[in-house]
Amino acid sequence: MPSLRHERVRELLKRTIGNILRREFNTSEHGLVSVNDVGVANDLHSATVFVSVLGSKTQRDATAQRLTQDRSHFQYIFGKEMVLKYTPKIKFELSDAIAEGDRVLSLLDELEEKSKPNQ
């Protein structure tokens, strides 16, 4: 069970990194970029940020490339905005959570349509 401090740091990271990515990424070029979750190591020295991109394949690829190339820039901005004893080293991973959620909702809609009696 994670400690209260661990959970608070995780939520603070999620909110702060989400705000940074919203400012740094252009929606028309990179799609809608959002932070789904943040995994923080027990010692709070490293964090994995799970990012979703709602957009086309090219927008997703451009976002993944920029996250990889500009990681140190995002780390710098993040360190300036957060006040912690140790600024966790961040690593980005793309997540398909939004796309999977849309797929599940569309499947549920199809099942609902099939189960309705013909009127």
PDB file of N, CA and C in Angstrom:
ATOM      1  N   MET A   1       0.842  -1.179   0.000  1.00  0.00           N
ATOM      2  CA  MET A   1       0.000   0.000   0.000  1.00  0.00           C
ATOM      3  C   MET A   1       0.891   1.248   0.000  1.00  0.00           C
ATOM      4  N   PRO A   2       0.755   2.101  -1.011  1.00  0.00           N
ATOM      5  CA  PRO A   2       1.576   3.313  -1.060  1.00  0.00           C
ATOM      6  C   PRO A   2       1.216   4.275   0.072  1.00  0.00           C
ATOM      7  N   SER A   3       2.212   5.004   0.511  1.00  0.00           N
ATOM      8  CA  SER A   3       1.989   5.961   1.592  1.00  0.00           C
ATOM      9  C   SER A   3       1.218   7.172   1.076  1.00  0.00           C
ATOM     10  N   LEU A   4       0.724   7.950   2.003  1.00  0.00           N
ATOM     11  CA  LEU A   4      -0.022   9.152   1.650  1.00  0.00           C
ATOM     12  C   LEU A   4       0.872  10.125   0.900  1.00  0.00           C
ATOM     13  N   ARG A   5       2.123  10.258   1.337  1.00  0.00           N
ATOM     14  CA  ARG A   5       3.072  11.143   0.652  1.00  0.00           C
ATOM     15  C   ARG A   5       3.301  10.689  -0.776  1.00  0.00           C
ATOM     16  N   HIS A   6       3.459   9.403  -0.967  1.00  0.00           N
ATOM     17  CA  HIS A   6       3.673   8.836  -2.300  1.00  0.00           C
ATOM     18  C   HIS A   6       2.495   9.174  -3.212  1.00  0.00           C
ATOM     19  N   GLU A   7       1.291   9.005  -2.724  1.00  0.00           N
ATOM     20  CA  GLU A   7       0.091   9.304  -3.516  1.00  0.00           C
ATOM     21  C   GLU A   7      -0.020  10.793  -3.822  1.00  0.00           C
ATOM     22  N   ARG A   8       0.305  11.633  -2.858  1.00  0.00           N
ATOM     23  CA  ARG A   8       0.232  13.077  -3.072  1.00  0.00           C
ATOM     24  C   ARG A   8       1.253  13.527  -4.109  1.00  0.00           C
ATOM     25  N   VAL A   9       2.457  12.986  -4.047  1.00  0.00           N
ATOM     26  CA  VAL A   9       3.485  13.324  -5.038  1.00  0.00           C
ATOM     27  C   VAL A   9       3.048  12.846  -6.415  1.00  0.00           C
ATOM     28  N   ARG A  10       2.486  11.656  -6.497  1.00  0.00           N
ATOM     29  CA  ARG A  10       2.022  11.110  -7.782  1.00  0.00           C
ATOM     30  C   ARG A  10       0.950  11.998  -8.403  1.00  0.00           C
ATOM     31  N   GLU A  11      -0.011  12.434  -7.618  1.00  0.00           N
ATOM     32  CA  GLU A  11      -1.069  13.306  -8.130  1.00  0.00           C
ATOM     33  C   GLU A  11      -0.535  14.681  -8.520  1.00  0.00           C
ATOM     34  N   LEU A  12       0.403  15.203  -7.749  1.00  0.00           N
ATOM     35  CA  LEU A  12       1.023  16.487  -8.079  1.00  0.00           C
ATOM     36  C   LEU A  12       1.800  16.396  -9.389  1.00  0.00           C
ATOM     37  N   LEU A  13       2.528  15.299  -9.576  1.00  0.00           N
ATOM     38  CA  LEU A  13       3.251  15.084 -10.833  1.00  0.00           C
ATOM     39  C   LEU A  13       2.275  15.013 -12.007  1.00  0.00           C
ATOM     40  N   LYS A  14       1.217  14.280 -11.834  1.00  0.00           N
ATOM     41  CA  LYS A  14       0.224  14.108 -12.896  1.00  0.00           C
ATOM     42  C   LYS A  14      -0.371  15.453 -13.310  1.00  0.00           C
ATOM     43  N   ARG A  15      -0.742  16.256 -12.348  1.00  0.00           N
ATOM     44  CA  ARG A  15      -1.344  17.553 -12.629  1.00  0.00           C
ATOM     45  C   ARG A  15      -0.337  18.512 -13.270  1.00  0.00           C
ATOM     46  N   THR A  16       0.860  18.576 -12.711  1.00  0.00           N
ATOM     47  CA  THR A  16       1.874  19.514 -13.204  1.00  0.00           C
ATOM     48  C   THR A  16       2.343  19.153 -14.601  1.00  0.00           C
ATOM     49  N   ILE A  17       2.625  17.887 -14.835  1.00  0.00           N
ATOM     50  CA  ILE A  17       3.088  17.461 -16.164  1.00  0.00           C
ATOM     51  C   ILE A  17       1.968  17.633 -17.186  1.00  0.00           C
ATOM     52  N   GLY A  18       0.730  17.367 -16.793  1.00  0.00           N
ATOM     53  CA  GLY A  18      -0.402  17.591 -17.690  1.00  0.00           C
ATOM     54  C   GLY A  18      -0.492  19.043 -18.130  1.00  0.00           C
ATOM     55  N   ASN A  19      -0.308  19.961 -17.196  1.00  0.00           N
ATOM     56  CA  ASN A  19      -0.337  21.389 -17.525  1.00  0.00           C
ATOM     57  C   ASN A  19       0.817  21.774 -18.442  1.00  0.00           C
ATOM     58  N   ILE A  20       1.991  21.228 -18.190  1.00  0.00           N
ATOM     59  CA  ILE A  20       3.154  21.514 -19.040  1.00  0.00           C
ATOM     60  C   ILE A  20       2.902  21.020 -20.458  1.00  0.00           C
ATOM     61  N   LEU A  21       2.401  19.814 -20.599  1.00  0.00           N
ATOM     62  CA  LEU A  21       2.168  19.259 -21.945  1.00  0.00           C
ATOM     63  C   LEU A  21       1.072  20.023 -22.681  1.00  0.00           C
ATOM     64  N   ARG A  22       0.055  20.481 -21.962  1.00  0.00           N
ATOM     65  CA  ARG A  22      -0.997  21.280 -22.602  1.00  0.00           C
ATOM     66  C   ARG A  22      -0.440  22.582 -23.155  1.00  0.00           C
ATOM     67  N   ARG A  23       0.488  23.193 -22.433  1.00  0.00           N
ATOM     68  CA  ARG A  23       1.101  24.437 -22.905  1.00  0.00           C
ATOM     69  C   ARG A  23       2.073  24.202 -24.056  1.00  0.00           C
ATOM     70  N   GLU A  24       2.814  23.113 -24.020  1.00  0.00           N
ATOM     71  CA  GLU A  24       3.903  22.885 -24.968  1.00  0.00           C
ATOM     72  C   GLU A  24       3.459  22.269 -26.296  1.00  0.00           C
ATOM     73  N   PHE A  25       2.363  21.528 -26.310  1.00  0.00           N
ATOM     74  CA  PHE A  25       1.939  20.821 -27.520  1.00  0.00           C
ATOM     75  C   PHE A  25       0.800  21.554 -28.218  1.00  0.00           C
ATOM     76  N   ASN A  26       0.986  21.754 -29.524  1.00  0.00           N
ATOM     77  CA  ASN A  26      -0.022  22.362 -30.372  1.00  0.00           C
ATOM     78  C   ASN A  26      -1.029  21.286 -30.767  1.00  0.00           C
ATOM     79  N   THR A  27      -2.313  21.527 -30.539  1.00  0.00           N
ATOM     80  CA  THR A  27      -3.338  20.525 -30.794  1.00  0.00           C
ATOM     81  C   THR A  27      -3.425  20.142 -32.268  1.00  0.00           C
ATOM     82  N   SER A  28      -3.264  21.106 -33.167  1.00  0.00           N
ATOM     83  CA  SER A  28      -3.374  20.785 -34.592  1.00  0.00           C
ATOM     84  C   SER A  28      -2.206  19.937 -35.076  1.00  0.00           C
ATOM     85  N   GLU A  29      -1.037  20.103 -34.474  1.00  0.00           N
ATOM     86  CA  GLU A  29       0.145  19.345 -34.900  1.00  0.00           C
ATOM     87  C   GLU A  29       0.280  18.013 -34.179  1.00  0.00           C
ATOM     88  N   HIS A  30      -0.083  17.970 -32.893  1.00  0.00           N
ATOM     89  CA  HIS A  30       0.153  16.781 -32.084  1.00  0.00           C
ATOM     90  C   HIS A  30      -1.118  16.096 -31.596  1.00  0.00           C
ATOM     91  N   GLY A  31      -2.283  16.617 -31.898  1.00  0.00           N
ATOM     92  CA  GLY A  31      -3.514  16.042 -31.385  1.00  0.00           C
ATOM     93  C   GLY A  31      -3.729  16.466 -29.941  1.00  0.00           C
ATOM     94  N   LEU A  32      -4.697  15.853 -29.308  1.00  0.00           N
ATOM     95  CA  LEU A  32      -5.003  16.152 -27.906  1.00  0.00           C
ATOM     96  C   LEU A  32      -4.148  15.243 -27.032  1.00  0.00           C
ATOM     97  N   VAL A  33      -3.225  15.840 -26.304  1.00  0.00           N
ATOM     98  CA  VAL A  33      -2.283  15.096 -25.471  1.00  0.00           C
ATOM     99  C   VAL A  33      -2.740  15.190 -24.023  1.00  0.00           C
ATOM    100  N   SER A  34      -2.859  14.038 -23.356  1.00  0.00           N
ATOM    101  CA  SER A  34      -3.275  14.042 -21.953  1.00  0.00           C
ATOM    102  C   SER A  34      -2.465  13.024 -21.163  1.00  0.00           C
ATOM    103  N   VAL A  35      -2.325  13.301 -19.887  1.00  0.00           N
ATOM    104  CA  VAL A  35      -1.609  12.406 -18.976  1.00  0.00           C
ATOM    105  C   VAL A  35      -2.637  11.498 -18.317  1.00  0.00           C
ATOM    106  N   ASN A  36      -2.508  10.191 -18.547  1.00  0.00           N
ATOM    107  CA  ASN A  36      -3.439   9.226 -17.951  1.00  0.00           C
ATOM    108  C   ASN A  36      -3.059   8.858 -16.532  1.00  0.00           C
ATOM    109  N   ASP A  37      -1.787   8.590 -16.328  1.00  0.00           N
ATOM    110  CA  ASP A  37      -1.340   8.154 -15.014  1.00  0.00           C
ATOM    111  C   ASP A  37       0.148   8.428 -14.874  1.00  0.00           C
ATOM    112  N   VAL A  38       0.612   8.386 -13.650  1.00  0.00           N
ATOM    113  CA  VAL A  38       2.037   8.551 -13.361  1.00  0.00           C
ATOM    114  C   VAL A  38       2.418   7.463 -12.367  1.00  0.00           C
ATOM    115  N   GLY A  39       3.438   6.714 -12.722  1.00  0.00           N
ATOM    116  CA  GLY A  39       3.982   5.710 -11.809  1.00  0.00           C
ATOM    117  C   GLY A  39       5.245   6.262 -11.182  1.00  0.00           C
ATOM    118  N   VAL A  40       5.302   6.272  -9.867  1.00  0.00           N
ATOM    119  CA  VAL A  40       6.438   6.850  -9.156  1.00  0.00           C
ATOM    120  C   VAL A  40       7.157   5.744  -8.388  1.00  0.00           C
ATOM    121  N   ALA A  41       8.487   5.741  -8.469  1.00  0.00           N
ATOM    122  CA  ALA A  41       9.283   4.775  -7.727  1.00  0.00           C
ATOM    123  C   ALA A  41       9.126   5.017  -6.231  1.00  0.00           C
ATOM    124  N   ASN A  42       9.379   3.991  -5.435  1.00  0.00           N
ATOM    125  CA  ASN A  42       9.224   4.110  -3.982  1.00  0.00           C
ATOM    126  C   ASN A  42      10.121   5.177  -3.376  1.00  0.00           C
ATOM    127  N   ASP A  43      11.309   5.383  -3.962  1.00  0.00           N
ATOM    128  CA  ASP A  43      12.214   6.401  -3.421  1.00  0.00           C
ATOM    129  C   ASP A  43      11.930   7.796  -3.979  1.00  0.00           C
ATOM    130  N   LEU A  44      10.939   7.921  -4.860  1.00  0.00           N
ATOM    131  CA  LEU A  44      10.503   9.188  -5.466  1.00  0.00           C
ATOM    132  C   LEU A  44      11.579   9.846  -6.339  1.00  0.00           C
ATOM    133  N   HIS A  45      12.548   9.072  -6.810  1.00  0.00           N
ATOM    134  CA  HIS A  45      13.616   9.619  -7.643  1.00  0.00           C
ATOM    135  C   HIS A  45      13.344   9.448  -9.138  1.00  0.00           C
ATOM    136  N   SER A  46      12.369   8.637  -9.496  1.00  0.00           N
ATOM    137  CA  SER A  46      12.030   8.465 -10.913  1.00  0.00           C
ATOM    138  C   SER A  46      10.524   8.270 -11.058  1.00  0.00           C
ATOM    139  N   ALA A  47      10.034   8.640 -12.251  1.00  0.00           N
ATOM    140  CA  ALA A  47       8.604   8.528 -12.516  1.00  0.00           C
ATOM    141  C   ALA A  47       8.382   8.188 -13.977  1.00  0.00           C
ATOM    142  N   THR A  48       7.383   7.362 -14.232  1.00  0.00           N
ATOM    143  CA  THR A  48       6.969   7.037 -15.588  1.00  0.00           C
ATOM    144  C   THR A  48       5.630   7.706 -15.834  1.00  0.00           C
ATOM    145  N   VAL A  49       5.571   8.513 -16.891  1.00  0.00           N
ATOM    146  CA  VAL A  49       4.364   9.264 -17.220  1.00  0.00           C
ATOM    147  C   VAL A  49       3.689   8.580 -18.399  1.00  0.00           C
ATOM    148  N   PHE A  50       2.449   8.135 -18.212  1.00  0.00           N
ATOM    149  CA  PHE A  50       1.688   7.473 -19.267  1.00  0.00           C
ATOM    150  C   PHE A  50       0.829   8.526 -19.966  1.00  0.00           C
ATOM    151  N   VAL A  51       1.111   8.724 -21.256  1.00  0.00           N
ATOM    152  CA  VAL A  51       0.506   9.795 -22.044  1.00  0.00           C
ATOM    153  C   VAL A  51      -0.355   9.187 -23.145  1.00  0.00           C
ATOM    154  N   SER A  52      -1.544   9.754 -23.345  1.00  0.00           N
ATOM    155  CA  SER A  52      -2.428   9.358 -24.444  1.00  0.00           C
ATOM    156  C   SER A  52      -2.517  10.482 -25.450  1.00  0.00           C
ATOM    157  N   VAL A  53      -2.662  10.102 -26.711  1.00  0.00           N
ATOM    158  CA  VAL A  53      -2.811  11.077 -27.788  1.00  0.00           C
ATOM    159  C   VAL A  53      -4.091  10.744 -28.537  1.00  0.00           C
ATOM    160  N   LEU A  54      -4.994  11.708 -28.573  1.00  0.00           N
ATOM    161  CA  LEU A  54      -6.224  11.551 -29.331  1.00  0.00           C
ATOM    162  C   LEU A  54      -6.032  12.304 -30.632  1.00  0.00           C
ATOM    163  N   GLY A  55      -5.828  11.546 -31.701  1.00  0.00           N
ATOM    164  CA  GLY A  55      -5.564  12.151 -33.001  1.00  0.00           C
ATOM    165  C   GLY A  55      -5.173  11.077 -33.997  1.00  0.00           C
ATOM    166  N   SER A  56      -4.634  11.515 -35.114  1.00  0.00           N
ATOM    167  CA  SER A  56      -4.263  10.588 -36.185  1.00  0.00           C
ATOM    168  C   SER A  56      -2.958   9.873 -35.844  1.00  0.00           C
ATOM    169  N   LYS A  57      -2.619   8.903 -36.673  1.00  0.00           N
ATOM    170  CA  LYS A  57      -1.377   8.142 -36.495  1.00  0.00           C
ATOM    171  C   LYS A  57      -0.161   9.051 -36.620  1.00  0.00           C
ATOM    172  N   THR A  58      -0.176   9.995 -37.568  1.00  0.00           N
ATOM    173  CA  THR A  58       0.960  10.902 -37.732  1.00  0.00           C
ATOM    174  C   THR A  58       1.100  11.832 -36.523  1.00  0.00           C
ATOM    175  N   GLN A  59      -0.031  12.279 -35.960  1.00  0.00           N
ATOM    176  CA  GLN A  59       0.022  13.116 -34.766  1.00  0.00           C
ATOM    177  C   GLN A  59       0.584  12.330 -33.584  1.00  0.00           C
ATOM    178  N   ARG A  60       0.175  11.082 -33.490  1.00  0.00           N
ATOM    179  CA  ARG A  60       0.672  10.214 -32.415  1.00  0.00           C
ATOM    180  C   ARG A  60       2.179   9.995 -32.545  1.00  0.00           C
ATOM    181  N   ASP A  61       2.632   9.741 -33.771  1.00  0.00           N
ATOM    182  CA  ASP A  61       4.059   9.539 -34.010  1.00  0.00           C
ATOM    183  C   ASP A  61       4.858  10.807 -33.723  1.00  0.00           C
ATOM    184  N   ALA A  62       4.318  11.959 -34.139  1.00  0.00           N
ATOM    185  CA  ALA A  62       5.002  13.235 -33.887  1.00  0.00           C
ATOM    186  C   ALA A  62       5.102  13.511 -32.389  1.00  0.00           C
ATOM    187  N   THR A  63       4.053  13.188 -31.652  1.00  0.00           N
ATOM    188  CA  THR A  63       4.060  13.395 -30.209  1.00  0.00           C
ATOM    189  C   THR A  63       5.079  12.481 -29.538  1.00  0.00           C
ATOM    190  N   ALA A  64       5.100  11.215 -29.945  1.00  0.00           N
ATOM    191  CA  ALA A  64       6.060  10.266 -29.364  1.00  0.00           C
ATOM    192  C   ALA A  64       7.493  10.712 -29.633  1.00  0.00           C
ATOM    193  N   GLN A  65       7.744  11.181 -30.832  1.00  0.00           N
ATOM    194  CA  GLN A  65       9.086  11.625 -31.188  1.00  0.00           C
ATOM    195  C   GLN A  65       9.483  12.852 -30.351  1.00  0.00           C
ATOM    196  N   ARG A  66       8.571  13.795 -30.218  1.00  0.00           N
ATOM    197  CA  ARG A  66       8.894  15.013 -29.463  1.00  0.00           C
ATOM    198  C   ARG A  66       9.085  14.709 -27.988  1.00  0.00           C
ATOM    199  N   LEU A  67       8.265  13.821 -27.424  1.00  0.00           N
ATOM    200  CA  LEU A  67       8.431  13.457 -26.022  1.00  0.00           C
ATOM    201  C   LEU A  67       9.802  12.832 -25.775  1.00  0.00           C
ATOM    202  N   THR A  68      10.256  12.029 -26.721  1.00  0.00           N
ATOM    203  CA  THR A  68      11.564  11.388 -26.593  1.00  0.00           C
ATOM    204  C   THR A  68      12.692  12.400 -26.759  1.00  0.00           C
ATOM    205  N   GLN A  69      12.598  13.231 -27.784  1.00  0.00           N
ATOM    206  CA  GLN A  69      13.665  14.185 -28.075  1.00  0.00           C
ATOM    207  C   GLN A  69      13.775  15.294 -27.026  1.00  0.00           C
ATOM    208  N   ASP A  70      12.648  15.797 -26.568  1.00  0.00           N
ATOM    209  CA  ASP A  70      12.639  16.956 -25.675  1.00  0.00           C
ATOM    210  C   ASP A  70      12.423  16.582 -24.209  1.00  0.00           C
ATOM    211  N   ARG A  71      12.708  15.327 -23.844  1.00  0.00           N
ATOM    212  CA  ARG A  71      12.502  14.883 -22.470  1.00  0.00           C
ATOM    213  C   ARG A  71      13.260  15.760 -21.471  1.00  0.00           C
ATOM    214  N   SER A  72      14.481  16.096 -21.796  1.00  0.00           N
ATOM    215  CA  SER A  72      15.279  16.909 -20.870  1.00  0.00           C
ATOM    216  C   SER A  72      14.696  18.322 -20.734  1.00  0.00           C
ATOM    217  N   HIS A  73      14.137  18.854 -21.806  1.00  0.00           N
ATOM    218  CA  HIS A  73      13.490  20.168 -21.750  1.00  0.00           C
ATOM    219  C   HIS A  73      12.264  20.121 -20.825  1.00  0.00           C
ATOM    220  N   PHE A  74      11.448  19.070 -20.986  1.00  0.00           N
ATOM    221  CA  PHE A  74      10.275  18.912 -20.123  1.00  0.00           C
ATOM    222  C   PHE A  74      10.709  18.687 -18.676  1.00  0.00           C
ATOM    223  N   GLN A  75      11.798  17.944 -18.487  1.00  0.00           N
ATOM    224  CA  GLN A  75      12.340  17.708 -17.151  1.00  0.00           C
ATOM    225  C   GLN A  75      12.751  19.034 -16.504  1.00  0.00           C
ATOM    226  N   TYR A  76      13.374  19.901 -17.281  1.00  0.00           N
ATOM    227  CA  TYR A  76      13.816  21.212 -16.790  1.00  0.00           C
ATOM    228  C   TYR A  76      12.611  22.070 -16.365  1.00  0.00           C
ATOM    229  N   ILE A  77      11.608  22.158 -17.234  1.00  0.00           N
ATOM    230  CA  ILE A  77      10.405  22.945 -16.920  1.00  0.00           C
ATOM    231  C   ILE A  77       9.726  22.380 -15.675  1.00  0.00           C
ATOM    232  N   PHE A  78       9.633  21.072 -15.630  1.00  0.00           N
ATOM    233  CA  PHE A  78       9.008  20.384 -14.513  1.00  0.00           C
ATOM    234  C   PHE A  78       9.747  20.691 -13.207  1.00  0.00           C
ATOM    235  N   GLY A  79      11.072  20.670 -13.251  1.00  0.00           N
ATOM    236  CA  GLY A  79      11.868  20.972 -12.065  1.00  0.00           C
ATOM    237  C   GLY A  79      11.684  22.398 -11.585  1.00  0.00           C
ATOM    238  N   LYS A  80      11.471  23.321 -12.516  1.00  0.00           N
ATOM    239  CA  LYS A  80      11.248  24.723 -12.154  1.00  0.00           C
ATOM    240  C   LYS A  80       9.890  24.926 -11.476  1.00  0.00           C
ATOM    241  N   GLU A  81       8.885  24.173 -11.921  1.00  0.00           N
ATOM    242  CA  GLU A  81       7.525  24.370 -11.421  1.00  0.00           C
ATOM    243  C   GLU A  81       7.233  23.615 -10.130  1.00  0.00           C
ATOM    244  N   MET A  82       7.943  22.522  -9.883  1.00  0.00           N
ATOM    245  CA  MET A  82       7.681  21.701  -8.701  1.00  0.00           C
ATOM    246  C   MET A  82       8.672  22.040  -7.600  1.00  0.00           C
ATOM    247  N   VAL A  83       8.198  22.024  -6.380  1.00  0.00           N
ATOM    248  CA  VAL A  83       9.070  22.242  -5.236  1.00  0.00           C
ATOM    249  C   VAL A  83       9.085  20.949  -4.428  1.00  0.00           C
ATOM    250  N   LEU A  84      10.083  20.134  -4.719  1.00  0.00           N
ATOM    251  CA  LEU A  84      10.289  18.876  -4.009  1.00  0.00           C
ATOM    252  C   LEU A  84      11.758  18.776  -3.630  1.00  0.00           C
ATOM    253  N   LYS A  85      12.042  17.963  -2.639  1.00  0.00           N
ATOM    254  CA  LYS A  85      13.437  17.766  -2.255  1.00  0.00           C
ATOM    255  C   LYS A  85      14.214  17.169  -3.423  1.00  0.00           C
ATOM    256  N   TYR A  86      13.632  16.179  -4.070  1.00  0.00           N
ATOM    257  CA  TYR A  86      14.218  15.559  -5.267  1.00  0.00           C
ATOM    258  C   TYR A  86      13.219  15.693  -6.401  1.00  0.00           C
ATOM    259  N   THR A  87      13.686  16.174  -7.539  1.00  0.00           N
ATOM    260  CA  THR A  87      12.833  16.206  -8.717  1.00  0.00           C
ATOM    261  C   THR A  87      12.968  14.859  -9.404  1.00  0.00           C
ATOM    262  N   PRO A  88      11.880  14.102  -9.504  1.00  0.00           N
ATOM    263  CA  PRO A  88      11.979  12.783 -10.117  1.00  0.00           C
ATOM    264  C   PRO A  88      12.409  12.875 -11.585  1.00  0.00           C
ATOM    265  N   LYS A  89      13.221  11.934 -12.011  1.00  0.00           N
ATOM    266  CA  LYS A  89      13.589  11.840 -13.419  1.00  0.00           C
ATOM    267  C   LYS A  89      12.406  11.210 -14.142  1.00  0.00           C
ATOM    268  N   ILE A  90      11.883  11.932 -15.136  1.00  0.00           N
ATOM    269  CA  ILE A  90      10.671  11.453 -15.798  1.00  0.00           C
ATOM    270  C   ILE A  90      11.004  10.690 -17.076  1.00  0.00           C
ATOM    271  N   LYS A  91      10.144   9.727 -17.358  1.00  0.00           N
ATOM    272  CA  LYS A  91      10.219   8.928 -18.583  1.00  0.00           C
ATOM    273  C   LYS A  91       8.797   8.861 -19.129  1.00  0.00           C
ATOM    274  N   PHE A  92       8.648   9.056 -20.433  1.00  0.00           N
ATOM    275  CA  PHE A  92       7.323   9.061 -21.039  1.00  0.00           C
ATOM    276  C   PHE A  92       7.051   7.733 -21.738  1.00  0.00           C
ATOM    277  N   GLU A  93       5.813   7.270 -21.610  1.00  0.00           N
ATOM    278  CA  GLU A  93       5.346   6.094 -22.345  1.00  0.00           C
ATOM    279  C   GLU A  93       3.969   6.415 -22.920  1.00  0.00           C
ATOM    280  N   LEU A  94       3.778   6.060 -24.194  1.00  0.00           N
ATOM    281  CA  LEU A  94       2.469   6.270 -24.808  1.00  0.00           C
ATOM    282  C   LEU A  94       1.500   5.199 -24.350  1.00  0.00           C
ATOM    283  N   SER A  95       0.286   5.598 -24.116  1.00  0.00           N
ATOM    284  CA  SER A  95      -0.764   4.706 -23.643  1.00  0.00           C
ATOM    285  C   SER A  95      -1.940   4.772 -24.613  1.00  0.00           C
ATOM    286  N   ASP A  96      -2.609   3.658 -24.798  1.00  0.00           N
ATOM    287  CA  ASP A  96      -3.774   3.612 -25.691  1.00  0.00           C
ATOM    288  C   ASP A  96      -5.085   3.646 -24.913  1.00  0.00           C
ATOM    289  N   ALA A  97      -5.073   4.181 -23.734  1.00  0.00           N
ATOM    290  CA  ALA A  97      -6.249   4.138 -22.863  1.00  0.00           C
ATOM    291  C   ALA A  97      -7.459   4.831 -23.482  1.00  0.00           C
ATOM    292  N   ILE A  98      -7.266   5.990 -24.098  1.00  0.00           N
ATOM    293  CA  ILE A  98      -8.404   6.712 -24.686  1.00  0.00           C
ATOM    294  C   ILE A  98      -8.986   5.937 -25.864  1.00  0.00           C
ATOM    295  N   ALA A  99      -8.121   5.426 -26.726  1.00  0.00           N
ATOM    296  CA  ALA A  99      -8.585   4.655 -27.878  1.00  0.00           C
ATOM    297  C   ALA A  99      -9.291   3.372 -27.432  1.00  0.00           C
ATOM    298  N   GLU A 100      -8.748   2.720 -26.421  1.00  0.00           N
ATOM    299  CA  GLU A 100      -9.385   1.499 -25.903  1.00  0.00           C
ATOM    300  C   GLU A 100     -10.745   1.819 -25.279  1.00  0.00           C
ATOM    301  N   GLY A 101     -10.828   2.924 -24.568  1.00  0.00           N
ATOM    302  CA  GLY A 101     -12.107   3.336 -23.990  1.00  0.00           C
ATOM    303  C   GLY A 101     -13.148   3.622 -25.062  1.00  0.00           C
ATOM    304  N   ASP A 102     -12.740   4.299 -26.140  1.00  0.00           N
ATOM    305  CA  ASP A 102     -13.659   4.564 -27.250  1.00  0.00           C
ATOM    306  C   ASP A 102     -14.121   3.265 -27.909  1.00  0.00           C
ATOM    307  N   ARG A 103     -13.205   2.320 -28.046  1.00  0.00           N
ATOM    308  CA  ARG A 103     -13.543   1.034 -28.662  1.00  0.00           C
ATOM    309  C   ARG A 103     -14.551   0.279 -27.805  1.00  0.00           C
ATOM    310  N   VAL A 104     -14.353   0.272 -26.500  1.00  0.00           N
ATOM    311  CA  VAL A 104     -15.274  -0.416 -25.591  1.00  0.00           C
ATOM    312  C   VAL A 104     -16.647   0.250 -25.635  1.00  0.00           C
ATOM    313  N   LEU A 105     -16.691   1.578 -25.652  1.00  0.00           N
ATOM    314  CA  LEU A 105     -17.971   2.279 -25.722  1.00  0.00           C
ATOM    315  C   LEU A 105     -18.711   1.989 -27.023  1.00  0.00           C
ATOM    316  N   SER A 106     -17.973   1.919 -28.134  1.00  0.00           N
ATOM    317  CA  SER A 106     -18.627   1.606 -29.407  1.00  0.00           C
ATOM    318  C   SER A 106     -19.150   0.173 -29.420  1.00  0.00           C
ATOM    319  N   LEU A 107     -18.414  -0.760 -28.825  1.00  0.00           N
ATOM    320  CA  LEU A 107     -18.901  -2.140 -28.727  1.00  0.00           C
ATOM    321  C   LEU A 107     -20.163  -2.222 -27.867  1.00  0.00           C
ATOM    322  N   LEU A 108     -20.186  -1.473 -26.775  1.00  0.00           N
ATOM    323  CA  LEU A 108     -21.382  -1.457 -25.922  1.00  0.00           C
ATOM    324  C   LEU A 108     -22.574  -0.855 -26.652  1.00  0.00           C
ATOM    325  N   ASP A 109     -22.337   0.198 -27.448  1.00  0.00           N
ATOM    326  CA  ASP A 109     -23.416   0.785 -28.235  1.00  0.00           C
ATOM    327  C   ASP A 109     -23.952  -0.207 -29.255  1.00  0.00           C
ATOM    328  N   GLU A 110     -23.064  -0.966 -29.898  1.00  0.00           N
ATOM    329  CA  GLU A 110     -23.497  -1.983 -30.873  1.00  0.00           C
ATOM    330  C   GLU A 110     -24.347  -3.055 -30.197  1.00  0.00           C
ATOM    331  N   LEU A 111     -23.910  -3.513 -29.032  1.00  0.00           N
ATOM    332  CA  LEU A 111     -24.674  -4.526 -28.305  1.00  0.00           C
ATOM    333  C   LEU A 111     -26.039  -4.003 -27.886  1.00  0.00           C
ATOM    334  N   GLU A 112     -26.089  -2.751 -27.492  1.00  0.00           N
ATOM    335  CA  GLU A 112     -27.355  -2.149 -27.090  1.00  0.00           C
ATOM    336  C   GLU A 112     -28.304  -2.053 -28.277  1.00  0.00           C
ATOM    337  N   GLU A 113     -27.785  -1.694 -29.442  1.00  0.00           N
ATOM    338  CA  GLU A 113     -28.601  -1.597 -30.660  1.00  0.00           C
ATOM    339  C   GLU A 113     -29.142  -2.970 -31.052  1.00  0.00           C
ATOM    340  N   LYS A 114     -28.327  -4.001 -30.937  1.00  0.00           N
ATOM    341  CA  LYS A 114     -28.761  -5.363 -31.304  1.00  0.00           C
ATOM    342  C   LYS A 114     -29.801  -5.912 -30.339  1.00  0.00           C
ATOM    343  N   SER A 115     -29.718  -5.510 -29.088  1.00  0.00           N
ATOM    344  CA  SER A 115     -30.649  -6.052 -28.092  1.00  0.00           C
ATOM    345  C   SER A 115     -32.011  -5.334 -28.085  1.00  0.00           C
ATOM    346  N   LYS A 116     -32.112  -4.179 -28.751  1.00  0.00           N
ATOM    347  CA  LYS A 116     -33.380  -3.456 -28.806  1.00  0.00           C
ATOM    348  C   LYS A 116     -34.349  -4.210 -29.728  1.00  0.00           C
ATOM    349  N   PRO A 117     -35.626  -4.294 -29.322  1.00  0.00           N
ATOM    350  CA  PRO A 117     -36.615  -4.919 -30.204  1.00  0.00           C
ATOM    351  C   PRO A 117     -36.914  -3.982 -31.381  1.00  0.00           C
ATOM    352  N   ASN A 118     -37.206  -4.594 -32.516  1.00  0.00           N
ATOM    353  CA  ASN A 118     -37.540  -3.796 -33.716  1.00  0.00           C
ATOM    354  C   ASN A 118     -38.837  -3.058 -33.493  1.00  0.00           C
ATOM    355  N   GLN A 119     -38.844  -1.790 -33.834  1.00  0.00           N
ATOM    356  CA  GLN A 119     -40.048  -0.983 -33.635  1.00  0.00           C
ATOM    357  C   GLN A 119     -40.634  -0.572 -34.947  1.00  0.00           C
TER     358      GLN A 119
END
